[in-house]
Amino acid sequence: MVTQEDIWRELSTICDPEIPNLSITDMGIVADVHLDVEAGRAIIKVTPTFVGCPATALICSEIEQRLRQLPLREVAVEITYNPPWTTNRLSQRAREVLRQFGIAPPPPYEGTDFPLDLLREAVECPYCGSTDTVLQTPFGPTLCRAIYYCNTCRQAFEHFKPV
């Protein structure tokens, strides 16, 4: 018999397609797992990081493929934006992996309303830890990232945008 723990364990092995060092559970993309043991059915709710995230279809497909390997009769993946994903859903492990991957993680914030003054805070360089950094462009390789430059170690780096 499949348990919630079995499903969460399997989901924790699915990597984010854009940041392969991170699982979708560390990213906080998995919003909910509903398991009907008697029916052998699992419903996984997924909250993408952005409405137009190009990795959403790939993530949903990977979830279905992986969970169909468990003794379940039915697996459904639903996309939800209520509540919307925020960077507060990143686990502490995700923040550290982002830093090791060369992406400055966003700081956590209190409450449910995003504080706009957070956008004016200095971004710490993931390579040297300096906050003497400058925004080069708010448009990074994906919608959720911006490009910064560190004046101390002279490295360009990505910053996961806080939302």
N, C-alpha and C. Protein backbone atom coordinates (compact mmCIF):
# COMPACT_ATOMS: atom_id res chain seq x y z
N MET A 1 0.84 -1.18 0.00
CA MET A 1 0.00 0.00 0.00
C MET A 1 0.89 1.26 0.00
N VAL A 2 0.56 2.21 -0.83
CA VAL A 2 1.30 3.46 -0.95
C VAL A 2 0.86 4.42 0.16
N THR A 3 1.82 5.12 0.73
CA THR A 3 1.53 6.11 1.77
C THR A 3 1.89 7.51 1.27
N GLN A 4 1.43 8.50 2.01
CA GLN A 4 1.80 9.90 1.71
C GLN A 4 3.31 10.04 1.71
N GLU A 5 3.96 9.39 2.69
CA GLU A 5 5.42 9.49 2.80
C GLU A 5 6.10 8.91 1.56
N ASP A 6 5.56 7.82 1.01
CA ASP A 6 6.11 7.23 -0.22
C ASP A 6 6.05 8.24 -1.37
N ILE A 7 4.91 8.91 -1.46
CA ILE A 7 4.73 9.89 -2.55
C ILE A 7 5.67 11.07 -2.36
N TRP A 8 5.73 11.62 -1.16
CA TRP A 8 6.63 12.75 -0.91
C TRP A 8 8.09 12.35 -1.15
N ARG A 9 8.44 11.16 -0.75
CA ARG A 9 9.82 10.68 -0.96
C ARG A 9 10.14 10.63 -2.47
N GLU A 10 9.20 10.11 -3.26
CA GLU A 10 9.41 10.05 -4.71
C GLU A 10 9.47 11.45 -5.31
N LEU A 11 8.58 12.34 -4.87
CA LEU A 11 8.59 13.71 -5.38
C LEU A 11 9.90 14.42 -5.06
N SER A 12 10.49 14.10 -3.92
CA SER A 12 11.75 14.75 -3.52
C SER A 12 12.93 14.34 -4.39
N THR A 13 12.74 13.33 -5.24
CA THR A 13 13.83 12.90 -6.14
C THR A 13 13.69 13.52 -7.53
N ILE A 14 12.62 14.27 -7.76
CA ILE A 14 12.40 14.90 -9.06
C ILE A 14 13.09 16.27 -9.06
N CYS A 15 14.01 16.44 -9.99
CA CYS A 15 14.78 17.69 -10.06
C CYS A 15 14.03 18.77 -10.82
N ASP A 16 14.25 20.00 -10.42
CA ASP A 16 13.75 21.15 -11.17
C ASP A 16 14.51 21.17 -12.51
N PRO A 17 13.80 21.24 -13.64
CA PRO A 17 14.48 21.21 -14.94
C PRO A 17 15.44 22.37 -15.18
N GLU A 18 15.20 23.50 -14.55
CA GLU A 18 16.05 24.67 -14.78
C GLU A 18 17.23 24.73 -13.82
N ILE A 19 17.08 24.11 -12.65
CA ILE A 19 18.16 24.07 -11.66
C ILE A 19 18.26 22.62 -11.18
N PRO A 20 18.99 21.79 -11.91
CA PRO A 20 18.97 20.35 -11.65
C PRO A 20 19.50 19.91 -10.29
N ASN A 21 20.14 20.78 -9.56
CA ASN A 21 20.62 20.43 -8.23
C ASN A 21 19.51 20.51 -7.19
N LEU A 22 18.35 21.01 -7.58
CA LEU A 22 17.24 21.22 -6.65
C LEU A 22 16.06 20.32 -6.98
N SER A 23 15.42 19.81 -5.94
CA SER A 23 14.20 19.04 -6.16
C SER A 23 13.00 19.98 -6.19
N ILE A 24 11.93 19.49 -6.77
CA ILE A 24 10.71 20.30 -6.84
C ILE A 24 10.10 20.50 -5.44
N THR A 25 10.42 19.61 -4.51
CA THR A 25 9.92 19.80 -3.14
C THR A 25 10.74 20.87 -2.43
N ASP A 26 12.06 20.91 -2.64
CA ASP A 26 12.88 21.97 -2.06
C ASP A 26 12.50 23.33 -2.63
N MET A 27 12.07 23.35 -3.89
CA MET A 27 11.65 24.60 -4.51
C MET A 27 10.28 25.06 -4.01
N GLY A 28 9.56 24.16 -3.36
CA GLY A 28 8.23 24.51 -2.87
C GLY A 28 7.18 24.50 -3.97
N ILE A 29 7.48 23.81 -5.06
CA ILE A 29 6.56 23.76 -6.19
C ILE A 29 5.39 22.81 -5.92
N VAL A 30 5.63 21.76 -5.14
CA VAL A 30 4.54 20.83 -4.79
C VAL A 30 3.72 21.48 -3.69
N ALA A 31 2.49 21.83 -4.02
CA ALA A 31 1.62 22.53 -3.07
C ALA A 31 0.86 21.58 -2.16
N ASP A 32 0.48 20.41 -2.69
CA ASP A 32 -0.33 19.49 -1.90
C ASP A 32 -0.29 18.09 -2.52
N VAL A 33 -0.42 17.11 -1.65
CA VAL A 33 -0.53 15.72 -2.08
C VAL A 33 -1.78 15.15 -1.44
N HIS A 34 -2.70 14.68 -2.27
CA HIS A 34 -3.91 14.03 -1.76
C HIS A 34 -3.87 12.58 -2.20
N LEU A 35 -3.98 11.68 -1.23
CA LEU A 35 -3.94 10.26 -1.52
C LEU A 35 -5.23 9.61 -1.04
N ASP A 36 -5.93 8.98 -1.97
CA ASP A 36 -7.10 8.17 -1.64
C ASP A 36 -6.62 6.72 -1.70
N VAL A 37 -6.31 6.17 -0.52
CA VAL A 37 -5.71 4.85 -0.43
C VAL A 37 -6.63 3.78 -1.00
N GLU A 38 -7.91 3.85 -0.65
CA GLU A 38 -8.85 2.83 -1.10
C GLU A 38 -9.02 2.82 -2.62
N ALA A 39 -9.04 4.00 -3.22
CA ALA A 39 -9.19 4.08 -4.68
C ALA A 39 -7.85 3.91 -5.40
N GLY A 40 -6.76 3.99 -4.65
CA GLY A 40 -5.45 3.90 -5.29
C GLY A 40 -5.16 5.09 -6.17
N ARG A 41 -5.60 6.26 -5.72
CA ARG A 41 -5.48 7.47 -6.54
C ARG A 41 -4.71 8.55 -5.79
N ALA A 42 -3.80 9.21 -6.50
CA ALA A 42 -3.04 10.33 -5.94
C ALA A 42 -3.29 11.56 -6.80
N ILE A 43 -3.54 12.66 -6.13
CA ILE A 43 -3.69 13.95 -6.81
C ILE A 43 -2.60 14.86 -6.26
N ILE A 44 -1.77 15.35 -7.14
CA ILE A 44 -0.66 16.22 -6.77
C ILE A 44 -0.96 17.61 -7.29
N LYS A 45 -0.95 18.58 -6.39
CA LYS A 45 -1.15 19.97 -6.80
C LYS A 45 0.21 20.65 -6.89
N VAL A 46 0.42 21.30 -8.01
CA VAL A 46 1.68 21.95 -8.31
C VAL A 46 1.45 23.44 -8.50
N THR A 47 2.30 24.24 -7.87
CA THR A 47 2.25 25.69 -8.05
C THR A 47 3.54 26.14 -8.72
N PRO A 48 3.48 26.46 -10.02
CA PRO A 48 4.69 26.92 -10.72
C PRO A 48 5.20 28.24 -10.14
N THR A 49 6.49 28.49 -10.34
CA THR A 49 7.08 29.72 -9.80
C THR A 49 6.54 30.96 -10.50
N PHE A 50 6.19 30.84 -11.77
CA PHE A 50 5.58 31.94 -12.52
C PHE A 50 4.47 31.37 -13.40
N VAL A 51 3.49 32.20 -13.73
CA VAL A 51 2.37 31.74 -14.55
C VAL A 51 2.85 31.19 -15.88
N GLY A 52 3.81 31.80 -16.51
CA GLY A 52 4.27 31.33 -17.81
C GLY A 52 5.50 30.44 -17.75
N CYS A 53 5.76 29.81 -16.62
CA CYS A 53 6.98 29.01 -16.45
C CYS A 53 7.03 27.91 -17.52
N PRO A 54 8.07 27.91 -18.36
CA PRO A 54 8.15 26.93 -19.44
C PRO A 54 8.43 25.50 -18.94
N ALA A 55 8.84 25.36 -17.70
CA ALA A 55 9.16 24.04 -17.16
C ALA A 55 7.95 23.32 -16.57
N THR A 56 6.81 23.98 -16.49
CA THR A 56 5.63 23.41 -15.83
C THR A 56 5.20 22.09 -16.47
N ALA A 57 5.08 22.05 -17.77
CA ALA A 57 4.64 20.82 -18.44
C ALA A 57 5.62 19.68 -18.20
N LEU A 58 6.90 19.98 -18.23
CA LEU A 58 7.92 18.96 -17.99
C LEU A 58 7.84 18.43 -16.56
N ILE A 59 7.66 19.33 -15.60
CA ILE A 59 7.54 18.93 -14.19
C ILE A 59 6.32 18.04 -14.00
N CYS A 60 5.19 18.42 -14.55
CA CYS A 60 3.96 17.63 -14.42
C CYS A 60 4.12 16.25 -15.05
N SER A 61 4.75 16.20 -16.20
CA SER A 61 4.99 14.93 -16.88
C SER A 61 5.89 14.03 -16.05
N GLU A 62 6.94 14.60 -15.50
CA GLU A 62 7.88 13.82 -14.67
C GLU A 62 7.18 13.29 -13.41
N ILE A 63 6.33 14.09 -12.80
CA ILE A 63 5.58 13.64 -11.63
C ILE A 63 4.71 12.44 -11.99
N GLU A 64 3.98 12.57 -13.08
CA GLU A 64 3.11 11.46 -13.51
C GLU A 64 3.92 10.20 -13.79
N GLN A 65 5.01 10.32 -14.51
CA GLN A 65 5.84 9.15 -14.84
C GLN A 65 6.37 8.47 -13.58
N ARG A 66 6.88 9.26 -12.67
CA ARG A 66 7.48 8.70 -11.46
C ARG A 66 6.44 8.03 -10.57
N LEU A 67 5.30 8.70 -10.39
CA LEU A 67 4.30 8.16 -9.47
C LEU A 67 3.56 6.96 -10.06
N ARG A 68 3.55 6.84 -11.38
CA ARG A 68 2.93 5.66 -12.02
C ARG A 68 3.77 4.40 -11.77
N GLN A 69 4.99 4.58 -11.33
CA GLN A 69 5.82 3.43 -10.97
C GLN A 69 5.43 2.86 -9.60
N LEU A 70 4.69 3.65 -8.82
CA LEU A 70 4.19 3.17 -7.53
C LEU A 70 2.91 2.37 -7.78
N PRO A 71 2.52 1.50 -6.87
CA PRO A 71 1.29 0.74 -7.07
C PRO A 71 0.04 1.61 -6.86
N LEU A 72 -0.20 2.49 -7.83
CA LEU A 72 -1.38 3.36 -7.82
C LEU A 72 -2.19 3.09 -9.08
N ARG A 73 -3.49 3.20 -8.97
CA ARG A 73 -4.35 3.02 -10.15
C ARG A 73 -4.43 4.30 -10.98
N GLU A 74 -4.35 5.43 -10.29
CA GLU A 74 -4.52 6.71 -10.99
C GLU A 74 -3.62 7.77 -10.37
N VAL A 75 -3.02 8.57 -11.24
CA VAL A 75 -2.21 9.71 -10.81
C VAL A 75 -2.69 10.92 -11.59
N ALA A 76 -3.01 11.98 -10.88
CA ALA A 76 -3.42 13.23 -11.52
C ALA A 76 -2.56 14.36 -10.98
N VAL A 77 -2.15 15.22 -11.88
CA VAL A 77 -1.38 16.41 -11.49
C VAL A 77 -2.21 17.63 -11.87
N GLU A 78 -2.46 18.47 -10.89
CA GLU A 78 -3.25 19.69 -11.12
C GLU A 78 -2.37 20.90 -10.86
N ILE A 79 -2.53 21.90 -11.69
CA ILE A 79 -1.81 23.16 -11.52
C ILE A 79 -2.72 24.12 -10.77
N THR A 80 -2.14 24.77 -9.76
CA THR A 80 -2.90 25.74 -8.99
C THR A 80 -2.06 27.00 -8.79
N TYR A 81 -2.73 28.11 -8.78
CA TYR A 81 -2.06 29.39 -8.50
C TYR A 81 -2.65 30.05 -7.26
N ASN A 82 -3.39 29.28 -6.51
CA ASN A 82 -4.04 29.81 -5.31
C ASN A 82 -3.69 28.95 -4.11
N PRO A 83 -2.84 29.42 -3.23
CA PRO A 83 -2.14 30.70 -3.28
C PRO A 83 -0.98 30.65 -4.26
N PRO A 84 -0.56 31.81 -4.74
CA PRO A 84 0.55 31.83 -5.68
C PRO A 84 1.86 31.44 -5.00
N TRP A 85 2.78 30.93 -5.79
CA TRP A 85 4.10 30.58 -5.29
C TRP A 85 4.84 31.84 -4.90
N THR A 86 5.59 31.78 -3.83
CA THR A 86 6.48 32.88 -3.44
C THR A 86 7.84 32.29 -3.12
N THR A 87 8.84 33.13 -3.09
CA THR A 87 10.19 32.67 -2.75
C THR A 87 10.29 32.24 -1.29
N ASN A 88 9.30 32.57 -0.48
CA ASN A 88 9.28 32.06 0.90
C ASN A 88 9.09 30.56 0.94
N ARG A 89 8.63 29.96 -0.15
CA ARG A 89 8.43 28.51 -0.20
C ARG A 89 9.73 27.75 -0.43
N LEU A 90 10.80 28.45 -0.77
CA LEU A 90 12.11 27.80 -0.93
C LEU A 90 12.57 27.27 0.43
N SER A 91 13.00 26.03 0.45
CA SER A 91 13.53 25.47 1.70
C SER A 91 14.91 26.07 1.98
N GLN A 92 15.37 25.89 3.20
CA GLN A 92 16.72 26.37 3.55
C GLN A 92 17.75 25.65 2.68
N ARG A 93 17.52 24.36 2.43
CA ARG A 93 18.41 23.60 1.56
C ARG A 93 18.43 24.22 0.16
N ALA A 94 17.26 24.62 -0.35
CA ALA A 94 17.18 25.23 -1.68
C ALA A 94 18.01 26.51 -1.73
N ARG A 95 17.93 27.31 -0.69
CA ARG A 95 18.70 28.56 -0.66
C ARG A 95 20.20 28.28 -0.72
N GLU A 96 20.64 27.26 0.01
CA GLU A 96 22.06 26.92 0.02
C GLU A 96 22.49 26.33 -1.32
N VAL A 97 21.67 25.48 -1.91
CA VAL A 97 22.00 24.87 -3.22
C VAL A 97 22.06 25.96 -4.29
N LEU A 98 21.14 26.91 -4.25
CA LEU A 98 21.17 28.02 -5.21
C LEU A 98 22.51 28.75 -5.10
N ARG A 99 22.91 29.06 -3.87
CA ARG A 99 24.17 29.77 -3.65
C ARG A 99 25.34 28.97 -4.22
N GLN A 100 25.37 27.66 -3.95
CA GLN A 100 26.45 26.80 -4.46
C GLN A 100 26.42 26.69 -5.99
N PHE A 101 25.25 26.85 -6.57
CA PHE A 101 25.07 26.78 -8.02
C PHE A 101 25.46 28.10 -8.68
N GLY A 102 25.76 29.12 -7.87
CA GLY A 102 26.14 30.43 -8.40
C GLY A 102 24.98 31.38 -8.59
N ILE A 103 23.85 31.08 -7.92
CA ILE A 103 22.67 31.95 -7.99
C ILE A 103 22.40 32.49 -6.59
N ALA A 104 22.35 33.81 -6.47
CA ALA A 104 22.07 34.43 -5.17
C ALA A 104 20.61 34.18 -4.81
N PRO A 105 20.35 33.54 -3.66
CA PRO A 105 18.96 33.28 -3.28
C PRO A 105 18.31 34.55 -2.74
N PRO A 106 17.00 34.66 -2.87
CA PRO A 106 16.31 35.82 -2.31
C PRO A 106 16.19 35.66 -0.80
N PRO A 107 16.14 36.78 -0.08
CA PRO A 107 15.96 36.67 1.37
C PRO A 107 14.50 36.31 1.69
N PRO A 108 14.29 35.57 2.76
CA PRO A 108 12.90 35.34 3.18
C PRO A 108 12.33 36.63 3.75
N TYR A 109 11.01 36.74 3.77
CA TYR A 109 10.37 37.91 4.33
C TYR A 109 9.17 37.47 5.16
N GLU A 110 8.74 38.34 6.06
CA GLU A 110 7.64 38.04 6.96
C GLU A 110 6.30 38.31 6.28
N GLY A 111 5.30 37.56 6.67
CA GLY A 111 3.94 37.82 6.21
C GLY A 111 3.67 37.30 4.81
N THR A 112 2.51 37.69 4.30
CA THR A 112 2.10 37.22 2.97
C THR A 112 2.24 38.30 1.91
N ASP A 113 2.36 39.55 2.31
CA ASP A 113 2.52 40.63 1.34
C ASP A 113 4.00 40.86 1.07
N PHE A 114 4.34 40.89 -0.20
CA PHE A 114 5.72 41.09 -0.60
C PHE A 114 6.14 42.53 -0.32
N PRO A 115 7.18 42.75 0.49
CA PRO A 115 7.64 44.11 0.79
C PRO A 115 8.46 44.67 -0.38
N LEU A 116 7.97 45.72 -1.00
CA LEU A 116 8.65 46.29 -2.16
C LEU A 116 10.04 46.82 -1.83
N ASP A 117 10.27 47.22 -0.57
CA ASP A 117 11.60 47.72 -0.21
C ASP A 117 12.65 46.60 -0.28
N LEU A 118 12.21 45.35 -0.31
CA LEU A 118 13.13 44.22 -0.47
C LEU A 118 13.86 44.31 -1.81
N LEU A 119 13.23 44.91 -2.80
CA LEU A 119 13.86 45.06 -4.12
C LEU A 119 15.04 46.03 -4.10
N ARG A 120 15.10 46.88 -3.07
CA ARG A 120 16.19 47.85 -2.99
C ARG A 120 17.35 47.35 -2.13
N GLU A 121 17.18 46.21 -1.46
CA GLU A 121 18.25 45.67 -0.62
C GLU A 121 19.41 45.17 -1.47
N ALA A 122 20.60 45.24 -0.90
CA ALA A 122 21.79 44.75 -1.60
C ALA A 122 21.68 43.24 -1.78
N VAL A 123 22.16 42.78 -2.91
CA VAL A 123 22.16 41.35 -3.20
C VAL A 123 23.56 40.83 -2.92
N GLU A 124 23.63 39.75 -2.12
CA GLU A 124 24.92 39.17 -1.74
C GLU A 124 25.45 38.27 -2.85
N CYS A 125 26.70 38.48 -3.21
CA CYS A 125 27.34 37.67 -4.24
C CYS A 125 27.47 36.23 -3.74
N PRO A 126 27.03 35.25 -4.54
CA PRO A 126 27.13 33.85 -4.11
C PRO A 126 28.56 33.32 -4.13
N TYR A 127 29.48 34.05 -4.77
CA TYR A 127 30.87 33.59 -4.87
C TYR A 127 31.73 34.10 -3.72
N CYS A 128 31.62 35.38 -3.38
CA CYS A 128 32.51 35.94 -2.35
C CYS A 128 31.76 36.49 -1.14
N GLY A 129 30.44 36.60 -1.21
CA GLY A 129 29.67 37.09 -0.07
C GLY A 129 29.57 38.61 0.02
N SER A 130 30.18 39.32 -0.89
CA SER A 130 30.13 40.79 -0.87
C SER A 130 28.74 41.29 -1.23
N THR A 131 28.36 42.43 -0.66
CA THR A 131 27.11 43.08 -1.04
C THR A 131 27.38 44.30 -1.93
N ASP A 132 28.63 44.46 -2.36
CA ASP A 132 28.98 45.52 -3.30
C ASP A 132 28.66 45.02 -4.70
N THR A 133 27.35 44.91 -4.97
CA THR A 133 26.88 44.34 -6.23
C THR A 133 25.96 45.33 -6.94
N VAL A 134 25.85 45.16 -8.24
CA VAL A 134 25.06 46.06 -9.07
C VAL A 134 24.17 45.24 -10.00
N LEU A 135 22.92 45.64 -10.12
CA LEU A 135 22.01 45.02 -11.06
C LEU A 135 22.45 45.38 -12.48
N GLN A 136 22.70 44.36 -13.30
CA GLN A 136 23.07 44.58 -14.70
C GLN A 136 21.82 44.60 -15.57
N THR A 137 20.92 43.63 -15.32
CA THR A 137 19.67 43.57 -16.06
C THR A 137 18.66 42.74 -15.26
N PRO A 138 17.42 43.20 -15.20
CA PRO A 138 16.41 42.41 -14.50
C PRO A 138 15.97 41.18 -15.30
N PHE A 139 16.49 41.05 -16.52
CA PHE A 139 16.10 39.95 -17.40
C PHE A 139 17.21 38.92 -17.47
N GLY A 140 17.04 37.83 -16.74
CA GLY A 140 18.02 36.75 -16.75
C GLY A 140 17.61 35.67 -17.73
N PRO A 141 18.21 34.48 -17.60
CA PRO A 141 17.91 33.39 -18.53
C PRO A 141 16.50 32.84 -18.37
N THR A 142 15.88 33.09 -17.24
CA THR A 142 14.49 32.70 -17.02
C THR A 142 13.76 33.87 -16.36
N LEU A 143 12.44 33.82 -16.33
CA LEU A 143 11.65 34.90 -15.74
C LEU A 143 11.96 35.14 -14.27
N CYS A 144 12.42 34.11 -13.59
CA CYS A 144 12.62 34.22 -12.15
C CYS A 144 14.02 34.69 -11.76
N ARG A 145 14.86 35.03 -12.73
CA ARG A 145 16.23 35.41 -12.41
C ARG A 145 16.64 36.72 -13.06
N ALA A 146 17.54 37.45 -12.37
CA ALA A 146 18.13 38.69 -12.86
C ALA A 146 19.64 38.52 -12.86
N ILE A 147 20.34 39.40 -13.58
CA ILE A 147 21.80 39.33 -13.65
C ILE A 147 22.41 40.50 -12.87
N TYR A 148 23.35 40.15 -11.99
CA TYR A 148 24.08 41.13 -11.17
C TYR A 148 25.57 41.02 -11.45
N TYR A 149 26.30 42.05 -11.02
CA TYR A 149 27.75 42.06 -11.13
C TYR A 149 28.32 42.40 -9.76
N CYS A 150 29.34 41.65 -9.33
CA CYS A 150 30.00 41.89 -8.05
C CYS A 150 31.25 42.73 -8.28
N ASN A 151 31.30 43.89 -7.64
CA ASN A 151 32.46 44.77 -7.78
C ASN A 151 33.67 44.25 -7.02
N THR A 152 33.46 43.36 -6.06
CA THR A 152 34.57 42.84 -5.24
C THR A 152 35.33 41.74 -5.97
N CYS A 153 34.62 40.68 -6.38
CA CYS A 153 35.30 39.56 -7.05
C CYS A 153 35.20 39.64 -8.58
N ARG A 154 34.47 40.65 -9.05
CA ARG A 154 34.33 40.93 -10.48
C ARG A 154 33.70 39.78 -11.27
N GLN A 155 32.73 39.15 -10.64
CA GLN A 155 32.00 38.06 -11.28
C GLN A 155 30.57 38.48 -11.55
N ALA A 156 30.06 38.11 -12.68
CA ALA A 156 28.63 38.26 -12.94
C ALA A 156 27.94 37.05 -12.32
N PHE A 157 26.73 37.25 -11.84
CA PHE A 157 25.99 36.12 -11.25
C PHE A 157 24.49 36.38 -11.41
N GLU A 158 23.75 35.30 -11.26
CA GLU A 158 22.30 35.39 -11.32
C GLU A 158 21.73 35.55 -9.91
N HIS A 159 20.60 36.20 -9.84
CA HIS A 159 19.89 36.38 -8.57
C HIS A 159 18.47 35.89 -8.78
N PHE A 160 18.04 34.97 -7.94
CA PHE A 160 16.67 34.48 -7.99
C PHE A 160 15.79 35.60 -7.45
N LYS A 161 14.93 36.15 -8.28
CA LYS A 161 14.12 37.31 -7.90
C LYS A 161 13.16 36.97 -6.75
N PRO A 162 13.10 37.83 -5.76
CA PRO A 162 12.11 37.60 -4.69
C PRO A 162 10.70 37.92 -5.19
N VAL A 163 9.78 37.04 -4.92
CA VAL A 163 8.36 37.29 -5.24
C VAL A 163 7.51 36.80 -4.10
